[in-house]
N, C-alpha and C. Protein backbone atom coordinates (compact mmCIF):
# COMPACT_ATOMS: atom_id res chain seq x y z
N UNK A 1 -18.63 -34.17 25.35
CA UNK A 1 -19.03 -32.87 24.87
C UNK A 1 -20.57 -32.79 24.80
N UNK A 2 -21.07 -31.65 25.10
CA UNK A 2 -22.50 -31.42 25.02
C UNK A 2 -22.85 -30.92 23.62
N UNK A 3 -23.81 -31.57 23.00
CA UNK A 3 -24.24 -31.18 21.67
C UNK A 3 -25.61 -30.51 21.79
N UNK A 4 -25.61 -29.26 22.22
CA UNK A 4 -26.87 -28.57 22.48
C UNK A 4 -27.48 -27.94 21.23
N UNK A 5 -26.65 -27.69 20.21
CA UNK A 5 -27.15 -27.09 18.98
C UNK A 5 -27.64 -28.17 18.02
N UNK A 6 -28.63 -27.83 17.21
CA UNK A 6 -29.06 -28.76 16.17
C UNK A 6 -27.93 -28.91 15.14
N UNK A 7 -27.95 -30.01 14.42
CA UNK A 7 -26.92 -30.25 13.40
C UNK A 7 -26.97 -29.18 12.32
N UNK A 8 -28.16 -28.66 12.01
CA UNK A 8 -28.27 -27.60 10.99
C UNK A 8 -27.60 -26.31 11.46
N UNK A 9 -27.77 -25.98 12.74
CA UNK A 9 -27.12 -24.79 13.29
C UNK A 9 -25.60 -24.96 13.27
N UNK A 10 -25.13 -26.13 13.68
CA UNK A 10 -23.69 -26.39 13.70
C UNK A 10 -23.11 -26.32 12.29
N UNK A 11 -23.79 -26.93 11.33
CA UNK A 11 -23.30 -26.88 9.94
C UNK A 11 -23.22 -25.45 9.43
N UNK A 12 -24.26 -24.67 9.69
CA UNK A 12 -24.27 -23.27 9.24
C UNK A 12 -23.14 -22.47 9.91
N UNK A 13 -22.93 -22.69 11.20
CA UNK A 13 -21.86 -21.99 11.90
C UNK A 13 -20.50 -22.43 11.38
N UNK A 14 -20.34 -23.71 11.08
CA UNK A 14 -19.06 -24.20 10.56
C UNK A 14 -18.78 -23.59 9.19
N UNK A 15 -19.79 -23.52 8.35
CA UNK A 15 -19.62 -22.90 7.03
C UNK A 15 -19.21 -21.44 7.20
N UNK A 16 -19.87 -20.73 8.12
CA UNK A 16 -19.53 -19.34 8.38
C UNK A 16 -18.08 -19.20 8.85
N UNK A 17 -17.61 -20.15 9.65
CA UNK A 17 -16.25 -20.09 10.20
C UNK A 17 -15.17 -20.29 9.14
N UNK A 18 -15.56 -20.84 8.00
CA UNK A 18 -14.61 -21.13 6.92
C UNK A 18 -13.49 -22.06 7.39
N UNK A 19 -13.85 -22.97 8.32
CA UNK A 19 -12.88 -23.95 8.79
C UNK A 19 -11.81 -23.38 9.70
N UNK A 20 -12.12 -22.25 10.35
CA UNK A 20 -11.17 -21.62 11.27
C UNK A 20 -11.85 -21.27 12.58
N UNK A 21 -11.10 -21.37 13.66
CA UNK A 21 -11.61 -21.03 14.99
C UNK A 21 -12.09 -19.57 15.00
N UNK A 22 -13.26 -19.37 15.58
CA UNK A 22 -13.86 -18.03 15.62
C UNK A 22 -13.63 -17.29 16.93
N UNK A 23 -12.78 -17.82 17.79
CA UNK A 23 -12.55 -17.20 19.09
C UNK A 23 -11.90 -15.82 18.95
N UNK A 24 -12.44 -14.87 19.71
CA UNK A 24 -11.85 -13.52 19.73
C UNK A 24 -11.55 -13.08 21.17
N UNK A 25 -11.52 -14.04 22.09
CA UNK A 25 -11.27 -13.71 23.50
C UNK A 25 -9.87 -13.12 23.67
N UNK A 26 -9.81 -12.00 24.35
CA UNK A 26 -8.53 -11.31 24.57
C UNK A 26 -7.60 -12.04 25.51
N UNK A 27 -8.15 -12.89 26.39
CA UNK A 27 -7.33 -13.54 27.41
C UNK A 27 -6.85 -14.93 26.99
N UNK A 28 -7.08 -15.32 25.74
CA UNK A 28 -6.56 -16.59 25.25
C UNK A 28 -5.22 -16.33 24.57
N UNK A 29 -4.54 -17.36 24.13
CA UNK A 29 -3.17 -17.22 23.64
C UNK A 29 -3.13 -16.85 22.16
N UNK A 30 -3.86 -15.81 21.79
CA UNK A 30 -3.84 -15.30 20.41
C UNK A 30 -4.24 -13.83 20.43
N UNK A 31 -3.80 -13.12 19.42
CA UNK A 31 -4.19 -11.71 19.26
C UNK A 31 -5.29 -11.65 18.21
N UNK A 32 -6.37 -10.98 18.51
CA UNK A 32 -7.48 -10.94 17.57
C UNK A 32 -8.16 -12.29 17.47
N UNK A 33 -8.66 -12.60 16.28
CA UNK A 33 -9.31 -13.89 16.06
C UNK A 33 -8.27 -15.00 16.02
N UNK A 34 -8.60 -16.13 16.62
CA UNK A 34 -7.66 -17.26 16.71
C UNK A 34 -7.29 -17.80 15.32
N UNK A 35 -8.28 -18.18 14.53
CA UNK A 35 -8.10 -18.68 13.17
C UNK A 35 -7.37 -20.02 13.07
N UNK A 36 -7.22 -20.78 14.17
CA UNK A 36 -6.68 -22.14 14.04
C UNK A 36 -7.58 -22.94 13.11
N UNK A 37 -6.99 -23.78 12.28
CA UNK A 37 -7.76 -24.61 11.36
C UNK A 37 -8.52 -25.67 12.14
N UNK A 38 -9.78 -25.85 11.78
CA UNK A 38 -10.61 -26.92 12.34
C UNK A 38 -11.18 -27.74 11.19
N UNK A 39 -11.35 -29.02 11.44
CA UNK A 39 -11.81 -29.96 10.41
C UNK A 39 -13.17 -30.50 10.81
N UNK A 40 -14.14 -30.42 9.91
CA UNK A 40 -15.53 -30.72 10.25
C UNK A 40 -15.71 -32.07 10.95
N UNK A 41 -15.12 -33.11 10.43
CA UNK A 41 -15.35 -34.43 11.03
C UNK A 41 -14.46 -34.71 12.24
N UNK A 42 -13.85 -33.66 12.80
CA UNK A 42 -13.04 -33.81 14.01
C UNK A 42 -13.69 -33.12 15.22
N UNK A 43 -15.00 -32.92 15.15
CA UNK A 43 -15.71 -32.30 16.26
C UNK A 43 -15.53 -33.13 17.53
N UNK A 44 -15.19 -32.44 18.61
CA UNK A 44 -15.06 -33.09 19.91
C UNK A 44 -13.73 -33.76 20.17
N UNK A 45 -12.83 -33.76 19.19
CA UNK A 45 -11.54 -34.42 19.36
C UNK A 45 -10.51 -33.43 19.88
N UNK A 46 -9.77 -33.84 20.89
CA UNK A 46 -8.74 -32.99 21.48
C UNK A 46 -7.42 -33.22 20.74
N UNK A 47 -7.43 -32.88 19.46
CA UNK A 47 -6.29 -33.05 18.56
C UNK A 47 -6.22 -31.81 17.67
N UNK A 48 -5.07 -31.58 17.02
CA UNK A 48 -5.04 -30.49 16.03
C UNK A 48 -6.17 -30.70 15.01
N UNK A 49 -6.93 -29.66 14.76
CA UNK A 49 -8.08 -29.75 13.86
C UNK A 49 -9.38 -30.02 14.59
N UNK A 50 -9.29 -30.42 15.87
CA UNK A 50 -10.47 -30.68 16.67
C UNK A 50 -11.16 -29.38 17.06
N UNK A 51 -12.44 -29.46 17.31
CA UNK A 51 -13.22 -28.26 17.60
C UNK A 51 -14.50 -28.64 18.32
N UNK A 52 -15.22 -27.59 18.78
CA UNK A 52 -16.54 -27.78 19.35
C UNK A 52 -17.36 -26.52 19.10
N UNK A 53 -18.66 -26.71 19.04
CA UNK A 53 -19.59 -25.59 18.91
C UNK A 53 -19.81 -25.01 20.31
N UNK A 54 -19.65 -23.71 20.46
CA UNK A 54 -19.71 -23.05 21.76
C UNK A 54 -20.88 -22.08 21.81
N UNK A 55 -21.66 -22.18 22.86
CA UNK A 55 -22.78 -21.26 23.08
C UNK A 55 -22.26 -20.00 23.74
N UNK A 56 -22.38 -18.89 23.05
CA UNK A 56 -21.86 -17.63 23.57
C UNK A 56 -22.65 -17.12 24.77
N UNK A 57 -23.96 -17.24 24.73
CA UNK A 57 -24.78 -16.69 25.79
C UNK A 57 -25.94 -17.62 26.11
N UNK A 58 -26.11 -17.92 27.39
CA UNK A 58 -27.23 -18.76 27.80
C UNK A 58 -28.55 -18.00 27.76
N UNK A 59 -28.48 -16.69 27.58
CA UNK A 59 -29.68 -15.86 27.52
C UNK A 59 -30.23 -15.72 26.11
N UNK A 60 -29.50 -16.25 25.14
CA UNK A 60 -29.93 -16.12 23.75
C UNK A 60 -30.36 -17.48 23.22
N UNK A 61 -31.12 -17.50 22.12
CA UNK A 61 -31.59 -18.77 21.57
C UNK A 61 -30.45 -19.61 21.00
N UNK A 62 -30.73 -20.88 20.80
CA UNK A 62 -29.75 -21.82 20.24
C UNK A 62 -29.76 -21.73 18.72
N UNK A 63 -29.39 -20.55 18.23
CA UNK A 63 -29.35 -20.34 16.78
C UNK A 63 -27.92 -20.07 16.33
N UNK A 64 -27.75 -19.92 15.03
CA UNK A 64 -26.41 -19.75 14.47
C UNK A 64 -25.72 -18.48 14.98
N UNK A 65 -26.47 -17.47 15.32
CA UNK A 65 -25.89 -16.23 15.83
C UNK A 65 -25.30 -16.38 17.23
N UNK A 66 -25.69 -17.42 17.93
CA UNK A 66 -25.21 -17.66 19.29
C UNK A 66 -24.22 -18.83 19.33
N UNK A 67 -23.89 -19.36 18.17
CA UNK A 67 -23.00 -20.52 18.07
C UNK A 67 -21.67 -20.10 17.46
N UNK A 68 -20.58 -20.38 18.17
CA UNK A 68 -19.24 -20.09 17.65
C UNK A 68 -18.48 -21.40 17.54
N UNK A 69 -17.74 -21.54 16.46
CA UNK A 69 -16.90 -22.71 16.25
C UNK A 69 -15.53 -22.39 16.85
N UNK A 70 -15.13 -23.19 17.84
CA UNK A 70 -13.88 -22.95 18.53
C UNK A 70 -12.98 -24.18 18.45
N UNK A 71 -11.68 -23.94 18.21
CA UNK A 71 -10.72 -25.03 18.29
C UNK A 71 -10.75 -25.54 19.74
N UNK A 72 -10.25 -26.73 19.96
CA UNK A 72 -10.34 -27.31 21.30
C UNK A 72 -9.61 -26.48 22.35
N UNK A 73 -8.49 -25.88 22.00
CA UNK A 73 -7.78 -25.04 22.97
C UNK A 73 -8.66 -23.87 23.42
N UNK A 74 -9.27 -23.19 22.48
CA UNK A 74 -10.13 -22.05 22.82
C UNK A 74 -11.41 -22.51 23.49
N UNK A 75 -11.95 -23.65 23.06
CA UNK A 75 -13.16 -24.19 23.69
C UNK A 75 -12.90 -24.46 25.17
N UNK A 76 -11.82 -25.16 25.47
CA UNK A 76 -11.50 -25.48 26.87
C UNK A 76 -11.21 -24.20 27.66
N UNK A 77 -10.52 -23.24 27.07
CA UNK A 77 -10.25 -21.98 27.76
C UNK A 77 -11.55 -21.22 28.02
N UNK A 78 -12.48 -21.26 27.07
CA UNK A 78 -13.78 -20.58 27.25
C UNK A 78 -14.58 -21.21 28.36
N UNK A 79 -14.53 -22.53 28.47
CA UNK A 79 -15.23 -23.20 29.57
C UNK A 79 -14.63 -22.78 30.91
N UNK A 80 -13.32 -22.65 30.98
CA UNK A 80 -12.66 -22.18 32.20
C UNK A 80 -13.04 -20.73 32.51
N UNK A 81 -13.16 -19.91 31.47
CA UNK A 81 -13.52 -18.50 31.65
C UNK A 81 -14.88 -18.37 32.34
N UNK A 82 -15.78 -19.31 32.05
CA UNK A 82 -17.16 -19.22 32.53
C UNK A 82 -17.39 -19.94 33.85
N UNK A 83 -16.34 -20.40 34.48
CA UNK A 83 -16.50 -21.08 35.78
C UNK A 83 -16.81 -20.10 36.87
């Protein structure tokens, strides 16, 4: 996994997420926000509770507004979306 965000940005985004996946992609296997539970110390693990910080836009800065916390299913689907 690529860790492009600073640890402070990731922590702030994780706090904002309230421990739930922030994905809102319409083409993933959920309606509305995903809300799968993610566990802070399971970053990068492809297991239930695993997650990764996702950069929404390469045109925006690496700040908390551009960082979304995604469960691994949504993270992998988002990477596929951007191919």
